[in-house]
Protein backbone atom coordinates (compact mmCIF):
# COMPACT_ATOMS: atom_id res chain seq x y z
CA MET A 1 -0.51 -9.56 4.83
CA ALA A 2 -2.68 -7.21 6.84
CA GLU A 3 -6.41 -7.30 7.37
CA PRO A 4 -8.76 -5.06 9.38
CA ALA A 5 -9.23 -6.51 12.87
CA GLU A 6 -12.32 -5.36 14.71
CA GLY A 7 -14.46 -6.22 17.70
CA PRO A 8 -18.27 -6.62 17.80
CA ALA A 9 -20.18 -4.52 15.27
CA GLN A 10 -20.99 -1.04 16.53
CA GLY A 11 -21.68 2.31 14.94
CA PRO A 12 -23.02 2.97 11.44
CA PRO A 13 -23.89 0.12 9.08
CA ALA A 14 -21.06 -1.13 6.88
CA LEU A 15 -21.04 -1.16 3.09
CA ARG A 16 -18.63 -3.92 2.07
CA HIS A 17 -17.41 -4.97 -1.34
CA ALA A 18 -14.56 -7.07 -2.78
CA GLU A 19 -13.31 -6.51 -6.33
CA GLU A 20 -10.82 -8.56 -8.34
CA VAL A 21 -8.60 -6.04 -10.10
CA MET A 22 -4.91 -5.30 -10.73
CA GLY A 23 -4.04 -8.96 -10.16
CA THR A 24 -5.33 -8.97 -6.59
CA VAL A 25 -8.51 -8.49 -4.55
CA VAL A 26 -9.36 -5.02 -3.29
CA SER A 27 -11.72 -5.07 -0.30
CA PHE A 28 -13.82 -2.11 0.81
CA ASP A 29 -15.35 -1.51 4.25
CA VAL A 30 -17.17 1.83 4.30
CA ARG A 31 -19.09 3.29 7.26
CA GLY A 32 -21.54 6.19 7.59
CA GLY A 33 -22.45 8.96 5.19
CA ASP A 34 -25.47 9.27 2.91
CA PRO A 35 -26.11 5.70 1.67
CA GLN A 36 -26.79 6.67 -1.95
CA ALA A 37 -23.83 9.06 -2.15
CA VAL A 38 -21.49 6.49 -0.62
CA ARG A 39 -22.72 3.69 -2.89
CA THR A 40 -22.21 5.90 -5.94
CA ALA A 41 -18.73 6.79 -4.73
CA LEU A 42 -17.95 3.10 -4.25
CA GLU A 43 -19.00 2.35 -7.82
CA GLU A 44 -16.80 5.22 -9.03
CA ALA A 45 -13.87 4.01 -6.93
CA VAL A 46 -14.14 0.48 -8.34
CA ALA A 47 -14.38 1.81 -11.90
CA GLY A 48 -11.32 3.94 -11.19
CA LEU A 49 -9.31 0.88 -10.14
CA HIS A 50 -10.19 -0.90 -13.37
CA ARG A 51 -9.18 2.17 -15.33
CA VAL A 52 -5.83 2.19 -13.52
CA ASP A 53 -5.37 -1.46 -14.50
CA GLU A 54 -6.09 -0.63 -18.14
CA VAL A 55 -3.66 2.29 -18.21
CA PHE A 56 -0.78 0.96 -16.09
CA SER A 57 -0.74 -2.82 -16.58
CA THR A 58 2.60 -4.06 -17.88
CA TYR A 59 0.88 -7.30 -18.91
CA ARG A 60 -1.39 -5.57 -21.44
CA GLU A 61 0.49 -4.84 -24.63
CA GLN A 62 -1.81 -1.93 -25.51
CA SER A 63 -1.88 -0.27 -22.09
CA GLN A 64 -0.57 3.28 -22.08
CA VAL A 65 2.39 2.30 -19.91
CA SER A 66 3.35 -0.57 -22.24
CA ARG A 67 3.11 1.73 -25.27
CA LEU A 68 5.06 4.43 -23.41
CA ALA A 69 7.80 1.91 -22.62
CA ARG A 70 8.03 1.00 -26.31
CA GLY A 71 8.23 4.64 -27.33
CA GLU A 72 4.86 4.63 -29.09
CA LEU A 73 3.47 7.34 -26.80
CA THR A 74 4.92 10.31 -24.97
CA VAL A 75 4.01 11.07 -21.37
CA GLU A 76 2.08 14.10 -22.62
CA GLU A 77 -0.06 11.84 -24.84
CA CYS A 78 -1.00 9.60 -21.89
CA ASP A 79 -3.69 10.18 -19.30
CA PRO A 80 -2.60 12.83 -16.73
CA GLU A 81 -2.38 10.12 -14.07
CA VAL A 82 0.62 8.61 -15.85
CA ALA A 83 2.69 11.76 -15.33
CA GLU A 84 1.45 11.94 -11.73
CA VAL A 85 2.51 8.37 -10.94
CA LEU A 86 5.87 8.70 -12.70
CA GLY A 87 6.49 11.86 -10.68
CA LEU A 88 5.69 10.02 -7.46
CA GLY A 89 7.97 7.19 -8.52
CA ALA A 90 10.81 9.62 -9.18
CA GLU A 91 10.31 11.10 -5.71
CA ALA A 92 10.34 7.63 -4.14
CA GLU A 93 13.56 6.83 -5.97
CA ARG A 94 15.13 10.09 -4.76
CA VAL A 95 14.11 9.64 -1.12
CA SER A 96 15.23 5.99 -1.07
CA GLU A 97 18.52 6.83 -2.79
CA GLY A 98 17.75 4.42 -5.60
CA TRP A 99 16.46 1.49 -3.56
CA PHE A 100 13.03 2.06 -5.11
CA SER A 101 12.77 2.20 -8.90
CA THR A 102 10.12 2.47 -11.62
CA THR A 103 12.26 0.51 -14.10
CA TYR A 104 12.88 -3.21 -14.36
CA GLU A 105 15.62 -4.65 -16.57
CA GLY A 106 15.93 -1.24 -18.20
CA ARG A 107 12.22 -1.02 -19.02
CA LEU A 108 9.61 1.31 -17.56
CA ASP A 109 7.63 -0.53 -14.88
CA PRO A 110 5.82 1.62 -12.26
CA THR A 111 4.08 -1.43 -10.77
CA GLY A 112 5.76 -0.89 -7.41
CA ILE A 113 3.98 2.40 -6.79
CA VAL A 114 0.75 2.06 -8.76
CA LYS A 115 -1.19 -0.24 -6.43
CA GLY A 116 -0.60 1.80 -3.28
CA TRP A 117 -1.43 5.02 -5.10
CA ALA A 118 -4.61 3.55 -6.63
CA VAL A 119 -5.88 2.10 -3.34
CA GLU A 120 -5.17 5.35 -1.52
CA ARG A 121 -6.99 7.32 -4.20
CA ALA A 122 -10.02 5.00 -4.00
CA ALA A 123 -10.18 5.37 -0.21
CA ARG A 124 -9.83 9.14 -0.41
CA HIS A 125 -12.69 9.29 -2.95
CA LEU A 126 -15.01 7.51 -0.51
CA ALA A 127 -13.99 9.76 2.37
CA ALA A 128 -14.65 12.82 0.22
CA ALA A 129 -18.15 11.48 -0.51
CA GLY A 130 -19.01 11.79 3.18
CA ALA A 131 -18.20 8.37 4.63
CA SER A 132 -17.22 8.61 8.29
CA GLY A 133 -14.99 5.55 8.14
CA VAL A 134 -13.17 3.98 5.19
CA SER A 135 -10.94 0.91 4.98
CA VAL A 136 -9.63 -0.19 1.59
CA ASN A 137 -7.42 -3.27 1.54
CA GLY A 138 -5.49 -3.93 -1.66
CA GLY A 139 -3.94 -7.36 -1.42
CA GLY A 140 -2.96 -6.84 2.21
CA ASP A 141 -1.96 -3.16 2.02
CA VAL A 142 -4.51 -0.96 3.74
CA GLN A 143 -5.56 2.70 3.61
CA LEU A 144 -7.77 3.93 6.44
CA TYR A 145 -9.75 7.14 6.94
CA GLY A 146 -11.92 8.19 9.85
CA VAL A 147 -13.33 5.64 12.30
CA PRO A 148 -15.63 2.60 11.97
CA GLY A 149 -17.78 3.74 14.89
CA PRO A 150 -17.91 5.96 17.99
CA HIS A 151 -14.82 5.53 20.17
CA ARG A 152 -13.60 2.67 17.93
CA PRO A 153 -10.48 3.14 15.81
CA TRP A 154 -9.64 1.02 12.82
CA ARG A 155 -7.22 -1.77 13.71
CA VAL A 156 -5.09 -3.75 11.28
CA GLY A 157 -3.60 -7.16 11.99
CA VAL A 158 -0.12 -7.77 10.58
CA SER A 159 0.53 -11.41 9.75
CA ASP A 160 3.55 -13.17 11.21
CA PRO A 161 5.59 -14.47 8.25
CA MET A 162 7.27 -17.09 10.45
CA ARG A 163 4.03 -18.49 11.92
CA PRO A 164 1.19 -18.90 9.39
CA GLY A 165 -2.15 -17.87 10.87
CA ALA A 166 -0.60 -15.85 13.69
CA LEU A 167 -0.25 -12.08 14.03
CA ALA A 168 3.06 -10.29 14.51
CA ALA A 169 1.33 -7.09 15.62
CA VAL A 170 -1.93 -5.14 15.56
CA VAL A 171 -1.72 -1.55 14.35
CA SER A 172 -4.26 0.98 15.62
CA ALA A 173 -5.36 4.16 13.86
CA ALA A 174 -6.49 5.71 17.16
CA GLY A 175 -6.07 9.47 17.27
CA VAL A 176 -5.24 10.02 13.58
CA PRO A 177 -7.61 10.90 10.71
CA GLU A 178 -5.76 8.71 8.19
CA LEU A 179 -3.37 5.78 8.35
CA ALA A 180 -1.84 3.31 5.93
CA VAL A 181 -0.23 -0.07 6.59
CA ALA A 182 1.85 -1.80 3.91
CA THR A 183 3.92 -4.99 4.04
CA SER A 184 6.60 -6.26 1.67
CA GLY A 185 8.14 -9.69 2.06
CA THR A 186 8.61 -13.20 0.77
CA ALA A 187 5.99 -15.11 2.78
CA GLU A 188 3.10 -14.74 0.34
CA ARG A 189 4.73 -14.32 -3.08
CA GLY A 190 8.25 -15.64 -2.67
CA ALA A 191 11.32 -13.69 -3.84
CA HIS A 192 9.53 -11.12 -6.01
CA ILE A 193 11.21 -7.93 -4.76
CA VAL A 194 14.00 -6.72 -7.03
CA ASP A 195 17.22 -5.05 -5.96
CA PRO A 196 17.38 -2.06 -8.37
CA ARG A 197 21.15 -2.03 -8.12
CA THR A 198 21.58 -5.57 -9.48
CA GLY A 199 18.33 -6.13 -11.39
CA ARG A 200 17.96 -9.47 -9.58
CA SER A 201 15.85 -10.63 -6.65
CA ALA A 202 16.80 -8.81 -3.46
CA VAL A 203 18.89 -11.00 -1.16
CA THR A 204 18.66 -9.67 2.40
CA ASP A 205 18.26 -10.90 5.95
CA LEU A 206 14.61 -9.82 5.97
CA VAL A 207 11.44 -11.84 5.47
CA ALA A 208 8.98 -8.97 5.98
CA VAL A 209 8.85 -5.20 6.40
CA THR A 210 5.65 -3.47 7.52
CA VAL A 211 5.52 0.31 7.18
CA VAL A 212 2.94 2.52 8.89
CA GLY A 213 2.30 6.11 7.76
CA PRO A 214 -0.47 8.47 6.65
CA ARG A 215 -0.47 7.58 2.93
CA LEU A 216 -0.39 4.16 1.28
CA THR A 217 1.41 5.52 -1.79
CA TRP A 218 4.49 6.09 0.35
CA ALA A 219 4.04 3.29 2.89
CA ASP A 220 3.98 0.73 0.08
CA SER A 221 7.00 2.26 -1.66
CA TRP A 222 9.02 2.53 1.55
CA ALA A 223 8.27 -1.09 2.49
CA THR A 224 9.56 -2.26 -0.89
CA ALA A 225 12.70 -0.13 -0.71
CA ALA A 226 13.39 -1.10 2.91
CA PHE A 227 13.14 -4.81 2.14
CA ALA A 228 15.74 -4.48 -0.62
CA MET A 229 18.09 -2.62 1.74
CA GLY A 230 18.26 -5.25 4.49
CA SER A 231 17.47 -4.76 8.16
CA ARG A 232 20.38 -2.64 9.35
CA GLU A 233 20.31 0.01 6.62
CA ALA A 234 16.51 -0.08 6.37
CA LEU A 235 15.91 0.55 10.06
CA ALA A 236 18.19 3.59 10.13
CA TRP A 237 16.61 4.96 6.94
CA LEU A 238 13.04 4.42 8.13
CA GLU A 239 13.79 6.06 11.47
CA ALA A 240 14.81 9.20 9.59
CA LEU A 241 11.58 9.47 7.55
CA PRO A 242 8.93 11.82 8.98
CA ASP A 243 5.61 10.34 10.14
CA VAL A 244 6.78 6.78 9.41
CA GLU A 245 7.03 3.77 11.73
CA ALA A 246 7.99 0.24 10.80
CA LEU A 247 8.25 -3.38 11.92
CA LEU A 248 11.02 -5.54 10.44
CA ILE A 249 11.26 -9.33 10.80
CA THR A 250 14.45 -11.16 9.85
CA ALA A 251 14.95 -14.70 8.61
CA GLY A 252 16.43 -15.42 12.03
CA ASP A 253 13.06 -14.52 13.60
CA GLU A 254 14.43 -11.29 15.04
CA VAL A 255 11.95 -8.42 15.32
CA ARG A 256 13.19 -4.85 14.92
CA CYS A 257 11.08 -1.72 14.96
CA THR A 258 11.34 2.05 14.79
CA GLY A 259 11.25 4.00 18.04
CA GLY A 260 7.70 5.29 17.74
CA LEU A 261 5.97 2.11 16.57
CA ALA A 262 4.75 1.23 20.07
CA GLN A 263 2.46 4.27 19.97
CA ARG A 264 0.66 2.80 16.96
CA LEU A 265 0.11 -0.69 18.40
CA GLY A 266 -3.01 -1.77 20.22
């Protein structure tokens, strides 16, 4: 799990909000901009997350995705966002060579990409409304834009899965206009990540994979795929992805990371 880690309050006042949606809590920390415009954008972003839950939830029998999976709707009859997300899922499956999938037990299930995409979209909406700094944390996966204050980058603490309450690393967004941090692992939710090739829980030497990149849509997807791969294959694959860095922790308490990760720590 990752949470924004900051020093003493500086810079513009913060607008903070936490919303229970999509089976988790999405936390907003928004800095700067016109207060009324930013508050309106926050309300729109929250409403958008609830709409995503209504459309994409696999637990709601009448959601568009559930009806699509049963053949009661076509993609063309769904909201345009459904085609967008399925397209992103297909791209994630292609790039990961099948280690990421939008199907589960032969049934359509884009859950693995929806949350990251929705949180990224909410953060982008707030940035577009004029906020100078945006942090949106969806159940531990974070999308950042801008800065929280003058000469102060956003920083995200990455929990140590082997030592509850401790941090394995602190990621800094210094010098970049946008950054996402996503973690997949077994520490919080147990063995919930599926190996698409077997349809069963992924059995690997990993306990956590944290991926850092510009967009949460991809960081979240790559973390899931990398966990299913196991440390050796995942590290080589992640090294080859552009603008991506990662931290991998094995069940033997071994820490492995991509070559450029050190530049993002601090």
